[in-house]
N, C-alpha and C. Protein backbone atom coordinates (compact mmCIF):
# COMPACT_ATOMS: atom_id res chain seq x y z
N MET A 1 13.34 -40.33 21.46
CA MET A 1 13.40 -40.12 19.99
C MET A 1 13.90 -38.61 20.03
N THR A 2 14.74 -38.42 19.45
CA THR A 2 15.34 -37.54 18.28
C THR A 2 14.16 -36.55 18.29
N GLU A 3 14.65 -34.57 18.30
CA GLU A 3 14.30 -33.95 18.80
C GLU A 3 13.10 -33.95 17.65
N LYS A 4 14.46 -33.68 16.14
CA LYS A 4 13.39 -33.46 14.92
C LYS A 4 11.72 -34.67 14.43
N GLU A 5 12.02 -36.36 15.88
CA GLU A 5 11.19 -37.15 15.69
C GLU A 5 9.58 -36.43 16.84
N ILE A 6 10.32 -35.34 18.04
CA ILE A 6 9.61 -35.43 18.40
C ILE A 6 8.56 -34.21 17.85
N GLU A 7 9.10 -33.04 17.13
CA GLU A 7 8.50 -31.89 17.09
C GLU A 7 7.63 -32.76 15.65
N LYS A 8 8.19 -33.38 15.40
CA LYS A 8 7.48 -34.43 13.61
C LYS A 8 6.08 -34.63 14.94
N VAL A 9 6.06 -35.24 15.07
CA VAL A 9 4.69 -35.54 16.83
C VAL A 9 4.04 -34.92 16.94
N GLN A 10 4.61 -34.08 17.23
CA GLN A 10 3.46 -33.01 17.98
C GLN A 10 2.96 -32.16 16.53
N LEU A 11 3.60 -32.04 15.69
CA LEU A 11 2.80 -31.35 14.55
C LEU A 11 2.31 -31.88 14.21
N ARG A 12 2.43 -33.57 14.24
CA ARG A 12 1.30 -34.63 13.83
C ARG A 12 0.33 -34.28 14.17
N ALA A 13 0.03 -34.28 15.80
CA ALA A 13 -0.98 -33.88 16.62
C ALA A 13 -1.50 -32.97 16.66
N ALA A 14 -0.52 -31.65 15.95
CA ALA A 14 -1.57 -30.17 15.92
C ALA A 14 -2.34 -30.44 14.68
N LYS A 15 -2.32 -31.31 13.17
CA LYS A 15 -2.53 -30.93 12.73
C LYS A 15 -4.39 -32.22 12.14
N ASP A 16 -3.96 -33.11 13.08
CA ASP A 16 -5.00 -33.95 13.33
C ASP A 16 -6.04 -32.82 14.46
N LEU A 17 -6.00 -32.92 15.50
CA LEU A 17 -6.53 -32.00 16.15
C LEU A 17 -7.37 -31.01 16.11
N SER A 18 -6.37 -30.08 14.89
CA SER A 18 -6.82 -28.32 14.41
C SER A 18 -8.06 -29.20 13.60
N LYS A 19 -7.79 -29.74 12.93
CA LYS A 19 -9.19 -29.99 11.64
C LYS A 19 -10.19 -30.02 11.65
N LEU A 20 -10.15 -31.50 13.42
CA LEU A 20 -11.53 -31.00 14.23
C LEU A 20 -12.11 -30.01 14.21
N LEU A 21 -11.21 -29.09 15.11
CA LEU A 21 -11.73 -27.62 14.95
C LEU A 21 -12.43 -26.76 13.59
N GLY A 22 -12.26 -27.24 12.80
CA GLY A 22 -11.79 -26.49 11.61
C GLY A 22 -11.02 -25.87 10.78
N TRP A 23 -10.16 -26.13 11.41
CA TRP A 23 -8.74 -25.54 10.78
C TRP A 23 -8.66 -26.13 9.73
N LYS A 24 -7.30 -25.40 8.93
CA LYS A 24 -6.19 -26.61 7.87
C LYS A 24 -5.25 -26.13 8.52
N PHE A 25 -4.36 -27.14 8.40
CA PHE A 25 -2.53 -27.07 8.83
C PHE A 25 -1.66 -27.39 7.53
N LYS A 26 -0.53 -26.38 7.32
CA LYS A 26 0.30 -26.77 6.38
C LYS A 26 2.05 -26.65 7.27
N ARG A 27 2.46 -27.15 6.97
CA ARG A 27 4.31 -27.09 8.25
C ARG A 27 3.34 -27.11 8.89
N ASN A 28 4.28 -25.77 9.67
CA ASN A 28 4.03 -25.56 11.32
C ASN A 28 2.97 -24.64 11.78
N PHE A 29 1.90 -24.54 10.32
CA PHE A 29 0.97 -23.49 11.17
C PHE A 29 -0.66 -23.83 10.94
N ILE A 30 -1.69 -23.50 11.06
CA ILE A 30 -2.96 -23.70 11.03
C ILE A 30 -4.24 -22.60 10.56
N TYR A 31 -4.56 -22.13 10.10
CA TYR A 31 -5.60 -20.82 9.28
C TYR A 31 -7.23 -21.49 8.99
N LYS A 32 -7.53 -20.23 9.56
CA LYS A 32 -8.71 -20.43 8.98
C LYS A 32 -9.31 -18.99 8.94
N VAL A 33 -10.95 -18.76 8.33
CA VAL A 33 -11.36 -17.67 7.66
C VAL A 33 -12.57 -17.68 9.22
N VAL A 34 -12.65 -16.62 9.57
CA VAL A 34 -14.03 -16.14 10.55
C VAL A 34 -14.34 -15.28 9.70
N ASP A 35 -15.53 -14.96 10.04
CA ASP A 35 -16.15 -14.08 9.17
C ASP A 35 -15.55 -12.50 8.99
N ASP A 36 -15.02 -12.96 7.77
CA ASP A 36 -14.06 -12.08 6.73
C ASP A 36 -12.51 -11.67 7.19
N PHE A 37 -12.23 -12.48 8.22
CA PHE A 37 -11.51 -12.42 8.98
C PHE A 37 -9.85 -13.64 9.19
N TYR A 38 -8.39 -13.52 8.91
CA TYR A 38 -8.20 -14.58 8.34
C TYR A 38 -7.04 -15.09 9.60
N TYR A 39 -7.28 -15.78 10.27
CA TYR A 39 -6.61 -16.23 11.28
C TYR A 39 -5.23 -17.07 11.11
N THR A 40 -4.32 -17.11 12.15
CA THR A 40 -3.58 -18.21 11.64
C THR A 40 -2.72 -18.27 12.94
N ALA A 41 -2.16 -19.41 13.17
CA ALA A 41 -1.80 -19.90 14.73
C ALA A 41 -0.17 -20.11 14.26
N TYR A 42 0.50 -20.40 14.87
CA TYR A 42 2.82 -20.97 14.11
C TYR A 42 3.12 -21.72 15.82
N PHE A 43 3.60 -23.00 15.33
CA PHE A 43 3.98 -23.53 16.31
C PHE A 43 5.41 -23.66 16.47
N TYR A 44 6.11 -23.40 16.90
CA TYR A 44 7.26 -23.86 17.19
C TYR A 44 7.87 -24.75 17.97
N LYS A 45 8.67 -26.37 17.67
CA LYS A 45 9.34 -26.73 19.15
C LYS A 45 10.37 -26.63 20.05
N HIS A 46 11.06 -26.44 20.66
CA HIS A 46 12.20 -25.41 21.35
C HIS A 46 13.16 -26.89 21.51
N ARG A 47 14.07 -26.22 21.54
CA ARG A 47 15.66 -27.46 21.42
C ARG A 47 15.54 -27.39 22.33
N ARG A 48 15.90 -28.46 22.69
CA ARG A 48 16.15 -29.42 24.19
C ARG A 48 15.31 -28.95 25.80
N GLU A 49 14.21 -28.47 25.20
CA GLU A 49 13.57 -28.01 26.19
C GLU A 49 12.17 -28.97 25.99
N ASN A 50 11.17 -29.95 26.33
CA ASN A 50 9.19 -30.23 26.07
C ASN A 50 8.88 -28.86 25.94
N LYS A 51 9.25 -27.99 25.04
CA LYS A 51 7.69 -27.26 25.30
C LYS A 51 7.48 -26.94 23.08
N LEU A 52 6.60 -25.99 23.64
CA LEU A 52 5.87 -25.59 21.84
C LEU A 52 5.28 -24.57 22.16
N SER A 53 5.66 -23.89 22.09
CA SER A 53 5.54 -22.23 21.91
C SER A 53 4.94 -21.87 20.15
N GLY A 54 4.24 -20.61 20.46
CA GLY A 54 4.38 -19.69 19.18
C GLY A 54 3.48 -18.64 19.51
N TRP A 55 2.54 -18.37 18.10
CA TRP A 55 1.58 -17.09 18.35
C TRP A 55 0.07 -16.94 18.09
N LEU A 56 -1.14 -16.75 18.01
CA LEU A 56 -2.18 -17.18 17.06
C LEU A 56 -2.05 -14.84 16.64
N ALA A 57 -2.31 -14.83 15.40
CA ALA A 57 -2.92 -13.21 14.90
C ALA A 57 -3.75 -13.29 13.74
N PHE A 58 -4.21 -12.18 13.56
CA PHE A 58 -5.53 -12.14 12.35
C PHE A 58 -5.18 -10.94 11.42
N LYS A 59 -6.25 -10.80 10.16
CA LYS A 59 -6.45 -9.93 9.73
C LYS A 59 -7.12 -10.09 8.74
N PRO A 60 -7.68 -8.96 8.63
CA PRO A 60 -9.40 -8.75 7.57
C PRO A 60 -8.36 -9.90 5.89
N LEU A 61 -9.02 -10.79 5.39
CA LEU A 61 -9.42 -11.63 4.37
C LEU A 61 -8.55 -10.78 3.63
N LYS A 62 -9.64 -9.17 2.84
CA LYS A 62 -9.39 -8.99 1.86
C LYS A 62 -8.24 -8.39 1.90
N ILE A 63 -8.01 -7.66 3.00
CA ILE A 63 -6.84 -7.07 2.68
C ILE A 63 -5.15 -7.23 2.46
N ASP A 64 -4.75 -8.49 1.75
CA ASP A 64 -3.80 -9.12 1.16
C ASP A 64 -3.68 -8.47 -0.70
N VAL A 65 -5.52 -8.95 -0.55
CA VAL A 65 -5.97 -7.90 -2.29
C VAL A 65 -5.78 -7.13 -2.95
N VAL A 66 -5.84 -6.68 -1.36
CA VAL A 66 -5.22 -4.59 -2.39
C VAL A 66 -3.98 -4.71 -2.52
N PHE A 67 -3.03 -5.26 -1.24
CA PHE A 67 -1.80 -4.99 -1.08
C PHE A 67 -1.44 -5.54 -2.49
N TRP A 68 -1.63 -6.68 -2.36
CA TRP A 68 -1.14 -7.16 -4.00
C TRP A 68 -2.12 -6.36 -5.74
N ASP A 69 -2.55 -5.66 -5.76
CA ASP A 69 -2.71 -4.76 -5.89
C ASP A 69 -1.98 -3.36 -6.23
N ILE A 70 -1.83 -3.29 -5.06
CA ILE A 70 -1.12 -1.70 -4.78
C ILE A 70 0.79 -2.12 -5.81
N ILE A 71 0.61 -3.94 -5.43
CA ILE A 71 2.72 -3.49 -5.62
C ILE A 71 2.58 -4.42 -7.25
N ASN A 72 1.09 -4.83 -7.86
CA ASN A 72 1.26 -4.93 -8.79
C ASN A 72 1.87 -6.61 -9.11
N GLU A 73 1.53 -7.51 -8.16
CA GLU A 73 1.18 -8.77 -7.83
C GLU A 73 0.00 -9.26 -7.82
N VAL A 74 -0.32 -8.74 -8.78
CA VAL A 74 -2.04 -9.22 -9.03
C VAL A 74 -2.13 -11.67 -8.73
N GLY A 75 -1.36 -11.25 -9.30
CA GLY A 75 -0.90 -13.30 -9.41
C GLY A 75 -1.36 -14.11 -8.48
N ASN A 76 -0.87 -13.46 -7.19
CA ASN A 76 -0.92 -13.60 -5.81
C ASN A 76 -2.26 -14.09 -5.40
N LYS A 77 -3.25 -12.99 -6.26
CA LYS A 77 -4.07 -13.30 -5.51
C LYS A 77 -5.00 -14.89 -6.20
N SER A 78 -4.67 -15.16 -7.08
CA SER A 78 -5.03 -17.25 -7.78
C SER A 78 -4.50 -18.05 -6.82
N MET A 79 -3.59 -17.61 -5.98
CA MET A 79 -2.76 -18.40 -4.92
C MET A 79 -3.67 -19.77 -3.65
N PRO A 80 -3.37 -20.29 -3.38
CA PRO A 80 -4.19 -21.48 -2.03
C PRO A 80 -4.39 -20.27 -1.28
N LEU A 81 -5.35 -20.00 -0.05
CA LEU A 81 -5.50 -19.15 1.35
C LEU A 81 -4.32 -19.22 1.99
N SER A 82 -3.66 -20.13 2.06
CA SER A 82 -2.12 -20.78 2.93
C SER A 82 -1.80 -19.32 2.76
N PHE A 83 -1.16 -19.43 1.14
CA PHE A 83 -0.23 -18.44 0.45
C PHE A 83 -0.58 -17.04 1.37
N ARG A 84 -1.40 -16.09 2.24
CA ARG A 84 -1.36 -15.11 3.09
C ARG A 84 0.00 -15.43 4.32
N ALA A 85 0.19 -16.65 5.09
CA ALA A 85 0.45 -16.72 5.83
C ALA A 85 2.50 -16.53 5.19
N GLU A 86 2.63 -17.02 4.49
CA GLU A 86 4.08 -17.46 4.14
C GLU A 86 4.27 -15.91 3.20
N ALA A 87 3.36 -15.53 2.47
CA ALA A 87 4.15 -14.97 1.06
C ALA A 87 5.18 -14.00 1.40
N ALA A 88 6.29 -13.82 1.03
CA ALA A 88 7.35 -12.32 1.74
C ALA A 88 6.11 -11.38 1.34
N PHE A 89 5.65 -10.88 0.33
CA PHE A 89 5.19 -9.72 0.64
C PHE A 89 3.56 -10.16 0.80
N CYS A 90 2.82 -9.84 2.17
CA CYS A 90 1.42 -9.50 2.33
C CYS A 90 1.90 -9.45 3.83
N ILE A 91 0.22 -8.53 3.79
CA ILE A 91 1.08 -7.54 5.50
C ILE A 91 0.43 -8.03 6.42
N ASN A 92 2.09 -8.40 7.78
CA ASN A 92 1.46 -8.92 8.47
C ASN A 92 0.51 -8.84 9.48
N PRO A 93 -0.24 -9.51 9.63
CA PRO A 93 -1.75 -9.68 10.51
C PRO A 93 -0.90 -9.04 12.54
N LEU A 94 -2.27 -8.43 13.00
CA LEU A 94 -2.63 -8.97 14.12
C LEU A 94 -2.03 -9.34 15.17
N HIS A 95 -1.23 -9.63 15.97
CA HIS A 95 -0.75 -10.22 16.49
C HIS A 95 -1.87 -10.52 18.21
N ILE A 96 -2.36 -11.32 18.52
CA ILE A 96 -3.92 -11.34 19.72
C ILE A 96 -3.22 -12.55 20.95
N LEU A 97 -2.57 -13.11 20.31
CA LEU A 97 -2.01 -14.31 21.47
C LEU A 97 -1.02 -14.83 21.21
N ASP A 98 -0.22 -15.33 22.22
CA ASP A 98 0.92 -15.88 22.24
C ASP A 98 1.23 -16.98 23.87
N PHE A 99 1.81 -18.08 23.05
CA PHE A 99 1.72 -19.46 23.93
C PHE A 99 3.27 -19.87 23.72
N LYS A 100 3.20 -20.23 24.86
CA LYS A 100 4.41 -20.99 25.68
C LYS A 100 4.09 -22.70 26.29
N ILE A 101 3.45 -23.68 26.14
CA ILE A 101 3.43 -24.63 26.75
C ILE A 101 4.48 -26.02 27.22
N GLU A 102 4.10 -26.50 28.16
CA GLU A 102 4.78 -27.63 28.30
C GLU A 102 4.28 -29.42 27.70
N VAL A 103 5.34 -30.35 27.03
CA VAL A 103 4.40 -30.96 26.21
C VAL A 103 5.18 -32.02 27.38
N ASN A 104 4.83 -33.05 28.45
CA ASN A 104 5.73 -33.75 28.80
C ASN A 104 5.53 -35.57 28.34
N ASN A 105 4.38 -35.13 27.85
CA ASN A 105 4.63 -36.45 26.17
C ASN A 105 4.88 -36.95 25.10
N ALA A 106 6.48 -37.49 25.14
CA ALA A 106 6.75 -37.17 23.77
C ALA A 106 5.92 -38.01 22.85
N GLU A 107 5.31 -38.83 22.91
CA GLU A 107 4.94 -39.67 22.58
C GLU A 107 3.88 -39.76 22.09
N ASN A 108 3.15 -39.22 22.89
CA ASN A 108 1.50 -38.40 22.93
C ASN A 108 1.28 -37.26 23.85
N PRO A 109 1.50 -36.17 22.69
CA PRO A 109 1.13 -34.88 23.45
C PRO A 109 -0.48 -34.62 22.62
N SER A 110 -0.73 -35.53 22.20
CA SER A 110 -2.68 -34.87 22.13
C SER A 110 -3.30 -34.19 23.50
N SER A 111 -3.20 -34.62 24.57
CA SER A 111 -3.67 -33.84 25.48
C SER A 111 -3.16 -32.24 26.08
N GLU A 112 -1.90 -32.37 25.88
CA GLU A 112 -1.13 -30.30 26.04
C GLU A 112 -2.00 -29.87 24.79
N ILE A 113 -1.88 -30.76 23.62
CA ILE A 113 -2.04 -29.69 22.47
C ILE A 113 -3.41 -29.42 22.22
N SER A 114 -4.49 -30.60 22.78
CA SER A 114 -6.09 -29.58 22.53
C SER A 114 -5.75 -29.01 23.76
N GLY A 115 -4.91 -29.18 24.44
CA GLY A 115 -6.12 -27.91 25.64
C GLY A 115 -4.84 -26.90 24.90
N LEU A 116 -3.97 -26.20 23.88
CA LEU A 116 -3.59 -24.66 23.48
C LEU A 116 -4.63 -24.78 22.27
N LEU A 117 -5.13 -25.89 21.67
CA LEU A 117 -6.17 -24.85 20.60
C LEU A 117 -7.40 -24.50 20.68
N ASN A 118 -7.45 -25.10 22.37
CA ASN A 118 -8.85 -24.43 22.69
C ASN A 118 -8.37 -23.72 23.04
N GLU A 119 -7.45 -23.40 24.05
CA GLU A 119 -6.81 -21.92 24.10
C GLU A 119 -6.54 -20.82 23.13
N ILE A 120 -6.56 -22.18 22.23
CA ILE A 120 -6.81 -20.65 20.52
C ILE A 120 -7.96 -20.64 20.60
N ASN A 121 -8.72 -21.26 20.45
CA ASN A 121 -10.26 -21.65 19.55
C ASN A 121 -11.05 -20.33 20.44
N GLN A 122 -10.89 -20.06 22.22
CA GLN A 122 -11.79 -19.30 23.05
C GLN A 122 -10.60 -17.93 22.55
N ALA A 123 -9.57 -17.94 22.33
CA ALA A 123 -8.65 -16.39 22.14
C ALA A 123 -9.16 -15.73 20.14
N VAL A 124 -9.76 -17.23 19.45
CA VAL A 124 -10.30 -16.57 17.86
C VAL A 124 -11.90 -15.67 18.34
N GLU A 125 -13.15 -16.47 19.19
CA GLU A 125 -14.08 -16.19 19.74
C GLU A 125 -13.93 -14.85 20.28
N LYS A 126 -13.25 -14.76 21.33
CA LYS A 126 -13.38 -13.82 22.04
C LYS A 126 -12.94 -12.06 21.19
N ASN A 127 -12.02 -12.31 20.31
CA ASN A 127 -11.49 -11.23 19.13
C ASN A 127 -12.65 -10.85 18.29
N SER A 128 -13.22 -11.90 17.78
CA SER A 128 -14.40 -11.74 16.94
C SER A 128 -15.34 -10.94 17.53
N LEU A 129 -15.58 -11.22 19.13
CA LEU A 129 -16.97 -10.16 19.58
C LEU A 129 -15.60 -8.59 19.93
N LYS A 130 -15.12 -8.62 20.01
CA LYS A 130 -14.35 -7.23 19.49
C LYS A 130 -13.95 -6.11 18.47
N ILE A 131 -13.48 -7.42 16.99
CA ILE A 131 -13.30 -6.79 15.53
C ILE A 131 -14.16 -7.05 15.01
N LYS A 132 -15.45 -6.38 14.39
CA LYS A 132 -16.39 -7.16 13.21
C LYS A 132 -16.75 -6.55 12.03
N SER A 133 -15.53 -5.34 12.45
CA SER A 133 -15.78 -4.59 10.75
C SER A 133 -14.06 -4.11 10.63
N ARG A 134 -13.74 -3.58 9.14
CA ARG A 134 -11.93 -2.97 8.52
C ARG A 134 -12.12 -1.45 9.45
N GLU A 135 -13.23 -1.11 10.25
CA GLU A 135 -13.20 -0.04 10.22
C GLU A 135 -12.59 -0.10 12.23
N ASP A 136 -12.94 -1.33 12.84
CA ASP A 136 -12.75 -2.03 14.19
C ASP A 136 -11.52 -2.47 13.83
N TYR A 137 -10.81 -3.05 13.14
CA TYR A 137 -9.59 -3.50 12.63
C TYR A 137 -8.01 -2.02 12.41
N LEU A 138 -8.86 -1.72 11.81
CA LEU A 138 -8.64 -0.13 11.63
C LEU A 138 -7.83 1.43 12.74
N ASN A 139 -8.95 0.70 13.62
CA ASN A 139 -8.67 1.44 14.75
C ASN A 139 -7.99 0.55 15.73
N GLU A 140 -7.40 -0.99 15.87
CA GLU A 140 -6.61 -1.48 15.93
C GLU A 140 -4.72 -1.38 15.87
N LEU A 141 -5.37 -1.65 14.46
CA LEU A 141 -3.94 -1.00 13.64
C LEU A 141 -3.46 0.15 14.48
N PHE A 142 -3.87 0.98 15.07
CA PHE A 142 -3.84 2.78 14.67
C PHE A 142 -3.52 2.97 16.53
N GLN A 143 -3.33 1.51 17.49
CA GLN A 143 -3.13 1.30 18.93
C GLN A 143 -2.12 1.24 18.95
N GLN A 144 -0.89 0.38 17.87
CA GLN A 144 0.52 0.23 17.02
C GLN A 144 1.08 0.26 15.92
N GLU A 145 0.94 1.81 15.88
CA GLU A 145 0.27 2.74 14.41
C GLU A 145 1.79 2.46 13.85
N GLU A 146 3.25 2.86 14.42
CA GLU A 146 4.34 2.68 13.67
C GLU A 146 4.60 1.85 13.31
N LYS A 147 4.68 -0.32 13.61
CA LYS A 147 4.72 -0.93 13.18
C LYS A 147 3.36 -1.47 12.31
N SER A 148 2.73 -0.38 12.08
CA SER A 148 1.87 -1.23 11.16
C SER A 148 0.96 -0.47 9.89
N THR A 149 2.13 0.51 9.92
CA THR A 149 1.49 1.91 8.51
C THR A 149 2.03 1.49 7.03
N SER A 150 1.90 0.27 7.10
CA SER A 150 1.95 -0.49 5.33
C SER A 150 1.04 -0.85 6.41
N ALA A 151 0.00 -1.20 7.09
CA ALA A 151 -1.51 -2.25 6.84
C ALA A 151 -1.87 -1.04 7.14
N ILE A 152 -1.81 -0.18 7.77
CA ILE A 152 -2.92 0.77 7.54
C ILE A 152 -3.15 1.95 6.54
N VAL A 153 -1.86 2.10 5.81
CA VAL A 153 -2.32 2.97 4.55
C VAL A 153 -3.38 1.50 3.63
N THR A 154 -2.29 0.66 3.49
CA THR A 154 -3.45 -0.11 2.64
C THR A 154 -4.91 -0.39 3.04
N SER A 155 -4.98 -0.59 4.18
CA SER A 155 -6.52 -0.39 4.55
C SER A 155 -6.89 0.52 4.30
N LEU A 156 -6.38 1.67 4.43
CA LEU A 156 -7.25 3.30 3.67
C LEU A 156 -7.33 3.22 2.14
N ILE A 157 -6.24 2.82 1.61
CA ILE A 157 -6.54 2.40 0.08
C ILE A 157 -7.87 1.95 -0.34
N GLY A 158 -7.48 0.32 0.62
CA GLY A 158 -8.69 -0.99 0.49
C GLY A 158 -10.26 -0.02 0.58
N ASP A 159 -10.72 1.17 1.73
CA ASP A 159 -11.34 1.65 1.36
C ASP A 159 -11.84 2.94 1.07
N GLY A 160 -10.50 3.49 -0.04
CA GLY A 160 -11.21 4.28 -0.47
C GLY A 160 -11.01 5.22 -0.62
N ASN A 161 -10.31 5.52 0.83
CA ASN A 161 -10.07 6.27 1.75
C ASN A 161 -8.25 7.22 0.85
N TYR A 162 -8.48 7.63 -0.56
CA TYR A 162 -7.20 8.32 -0.91
C TYR A 162 -6.18 9.30 -0.15
N GLN A 163 -7.44 10.23 -0.16
CA GLN A 163 -6.70 11.17 0.27
C GLN A 163 -6.48 11.13 2.23
N GLN A 164 -6.59 10.26 2.73
CA GLN A 164 -6.53 10.32 4.58
C GLN A 164 -4.90 8.87 3.51
N ALA A 165 -4.97 8.27 3.08
CA ALA A 165 -3.58 7.41 2.75
C ALA A 165 -2.76 8.07 2.45
N LEU A 166 -2.41 9.19 2.07
CA LEU A 166 -1.42 10.39 1.43
C LEU A 166 -1.19 10.95 2.41
N LEU A 167 -2.27 11.15 3.31
CA LEU A 167 -1.40 12.57 4.33
C LEU A 167 -1.18 11.53 5.35
N LYS A 168 -1.72 10.26 5.57
CA LYS A 168 -0.26 9.56 6.74
C LYS A 168 0.81 8.51 5.32
N ILE A 169 0.81 8.56 4.84
CA ILE A 169 2.62 8.01 3.65
C ILE A 169 3.17 9.53 4.30
N GLU A 170 2.83 10.95 3.38
CA GLU A 170 3.55 11.93 3.96
C GLU A 170 3.79 12.20 5.97
N ASP A 171 3.21 11.09 6.20
CA ASP A 171 3.62 12.14 7.73
C ASP A 171 4.21 10.48 8.42
N TYR A 172 4.52 9.35 7.55
CA TYR A 172 5.05 7.89 7.67
C TYR A 172 6.47 8.29 7.59
N LYS A 173 6.90 9.13 6.22
CA LYS A 173 8.01 9.33 5.64
C LYS A 173 9.16 10.59 6.90
N ALA A 174 7.75 11.55 7.34
CA ALA A 174 8.56 12.73 7.65
C ALA A 174 9.08 11.96 9.27
N ASN A 175 8.38 11.41 10.00
CA ASN A 175 9.07 10.72 10.83
C ASN A 175 9.71 9.80 10.79
N LYS A 176 9.89 9.46 9.42
CA LYS A 176 10.79 7.77 9.38
C LYS A 176 10.50 6.49 10.31
N PHE A 177 9.16 6.49 9.45
CA PHE A 177 8.48 5.19 10.37
C PHE A 177 8.61 4.51 8.93
N HIS A 178 9.05 3.06 8.81
CA HIS A 178 9.43 2.51 7.86
C HIS A 178 8.13 1.37 7.32
N SER A 179 8.39 1.42 6.07
CA SER A 179 7.18 0.62 5.49
C SER A 179 7.59 -0.90 5.61
N GLY A 180 9.06 -1.07 5.46
CA GLY A 180 8.82 -2.88 5.84
C GLY A 180 9.10 -3.05 4.24
N PHE A 181 8.74 -2.70 3.37
CA PHE A 181 8.32 -3.08 1.60
C PHE A 181 9.88 -2.72 0.77
N GLY A 182 10.29 -3.15 0.02
CA GLY A 182 11.14 -2.88 -1.11
C GLY A 182 10.16 -3.34 -1.89
N VAL A 183 9.33 -2.49 -3.12
CA VAL A 183 9.29 -3.45 -4.07
C VAL A 183 9.93 -2.50 -5.33
N LEU A 184 9.73 -4.42 -6.08
CA LEU A 184 10.90 -4.17 -7.07
C LEU A 184 9.29 -3.75 -8.54
N THR A 185 10.33 -2.43 -9.03
CA THR A 185 9.13 -1.39 -10.08
C THR A 185 10.00 -1.20 -11.55
N LYS A 186 9.76 -0.91 -12.34
CA LYS A 186 10.35 -0.65 -13.56
C LYS A 186 11.55 0.78 -13.16
N GLU A 187 11.54 1.08 -12.10
CA GLU A 187 12.03 2.19 -12.69
C GLU A 187 13.62 1.34 -10.97
N GLY A 188 13.08 0.00 -10.97
CA GLY A 188 13.94 -0.35 -9.56
C GLY A 188 13.81 -0.96 -8.32
N ILE A 189 13.94 -0.86 -7.20
CA ILE A 189 13.82 -1.06 -6.70
C ILE A 189 12.99 0.15 -5.02
N GLU A 190 11.37 0.37 -5.73
CA GLU A 190 11.52 1.50 -4.92
C GLU A 190 10.31 1.18 -3.25
N ASP A 191 10.28 1.86 -2.57
CA ASP A 191 9.35 1.92 -0.97
C ASP A 191 8.00 1.58 -1.33
N PHE A 192 7.41 0.93 0.02
CA PHE A 192 6.40 0.74 -0.24
C PHE A 192 5.65 2.34 -0.57
N TYR A 193 6.35 3.26 0.59
CA TYR A 193 4.90 4.65 0.09
C TYR A 193 5.39 4.64 -0.96
N ASP A 194 6.16 5.20 -1.68
CA ASP A 194 6.08 5.14 -3.42
C ASP A 194 5.35 4.35 -4.10
N VAL A 195 5.07 3.74 -4.10
CA VAL A 195 4.26 2.78 -5.10
C VAL A 195 2.40 2.50 -4.98
N ALA A 196 2.75 2.91 -3.41
CA ALA A 196 0.98 3.44 -2.51
C ALA A 196 0.84 4.39 -2.94
N LYS A 197 1.83 5.53 -3.05
CA LYS A 197 1.24 7.18 -3.65
C LYS A 197 0.99 6.76 -5.46
N ALA A 198 1.90 6.11 -5.81
CA ALA A 198 1.40 6.27 -7.71
C ALA A 198 0.94 5.35 -7.14
N TYR A 199 0.00 3.78 -7.18
CA TYR A 199 -1.38 3.64 -6.95
C TYR A 199 -2.55 4.80 -7.24
N ILE A 200 -2.44 5.77 -5.56
CA ILE A 200 -3.70 6.08 -5.51
C ILE A 200 -3.24 7.38 -6.95
N ILE A 201 -2.53 7.98 -6.93
CA ILE A 201 -2.60 9.10 -7.94
C ILE A 201 -3.06 8.56 -9.29
N HIS A 202 -2.30 6.31 -9.73
CA HIS A 202 -2.98 6.59 -11.10
C HIS A 202 -4.52 5.77 -11.52
N ASN A 203 -4.89 6.46 -9.74
CA ASN A 203 -6.22 5.53 -9.84
C ASN A 203 -7.05 6.78 -9.68
N THR A 204 -6.99 7.69 -8.80
CA THR A 204 -7.57 8.96 -9.24
C THR A 204 -7.96 9.48 -10.46
N GLU A 205 -6.58 9.37 -11.17
CA GLU A 205 -6.96 10.17 -12.11
C GLU A 205 -7.64 9.37 -13.45
N LYS A 206 -7.78 7.87 -13.17
CA LYS A 206 -8.26 7.11 -14.11
C LYS A 206 -10.43 7.74 -13.92
N THR A 207 -10.11 7.87 -12.57
CA THR A 207 -11.58 8.25 -11.73
C THR A 207 -11.86 9.36 -12.40
N ALA A 208 -11.38 10.37 -12.37
CA ALA A 208 -11.42 11.49 -12.97
C ALA A 208 -11.65 11.12 -14.95
N ILE A 209 -11.02 10.96 -15.61
CA ILE A 209 -11.26 10.45 -17.22
C ILE A 209 -12.27 10.30 -16.65
N ASN A 210 -12.44 8.43 -16.50
CA ASN A 210 -14.36 7.55 -16.49
C ASN A 210 -15.10 7.99 -15.65
N PRO A 211 -15.89 8.79 -14.70
CA PRO A 211 -16.28 8.91 -13.70
C PRO A 211 -17.68 8.29 -13.81
N THR A 212 -18.13 7.72 -12.41
CA THR A 212 -19.10 7.48 -12.55
C THR A 212 -19.76 7.82 -12.65
N PRO A 213 -21.19 6.78 -13.74
CA PRO A 213 -22.04 7.51 -14.23
C PRO A 213 -23.39 7.80 -13.08
N ALA A 214 -23.87 8.86 -12.46
CA ALA A 214 -24.76 9.38 -11.80
C ALA A 214 -26.08 8.29 -11.94
N PRO A 215 -27.15 7.91 -10.67
CA PRO A 215 -27.66 7.05 -10.96
C PRO A 215 -28.74 7.69 -11.63
N GLY A 216 -29.31 6.94 -12.53
CA GLY A 216 -30.08 7.07 -13.60
C GLY A 216 -29.76 8.11 -14.85
N SER A 217 -29.19 8.05 -14.97
CA SER A 217 -27.65 8.62 -16.13
C SER A 217 -28.04 7.53 -17.22
N SER A 218 -28.04 7.53 -17.88
CA SER A 218 -28.48 6.99 -19.20
C SER A 218 -27.13 6.30 -20.29
N ASN A 219 -25.94 7.59 -19.61
CA ASN A 219 -24.13 6.97 -19.90
C ASN A 219 -24.67 5.50 -20.00
């Protein structure tokens, strides 16, 4: 069998077996939602090796919706669920498992891949017991803050913590922690931090102009 044929057989096995475990499959990754968190796992065939490797990661289901609001790509919100794993502009998920397995039976890799999928499912179950809320997720982001800055800012904005988000933006810019995103705006390409700051200011001003009526108000 050629390398391409072996890869095709492995991905077909991953597709068929993962569906039995509640996953959806696209190209070379699987994805599903568990308790408002979006999980995805990618598979890569090693050239000239009988090995399959990849990683499992997660993020809140709604974090990309907030991110797309910030960068004014609201049309993305109507895209299929798989788009959260493959869009050029989306929040990177947090990795919770890296894997690399031997696949000795090129023509029928079901046994090895089934074992791998069970390992992936166990990792999802373990993580879902540890990370139960957006606050838990945010605390996890702070453990690797320098490479999670855009996710942190987006999470804070999504929770309405505008002041803390602004403080973090200024801190990240001062420390030269890159956002990882250049966003096309009417003014040209702008850094995500600046776009997020403008979004906060706009929404703060809108709230000030149109305050939420007090409970029991007749307005």
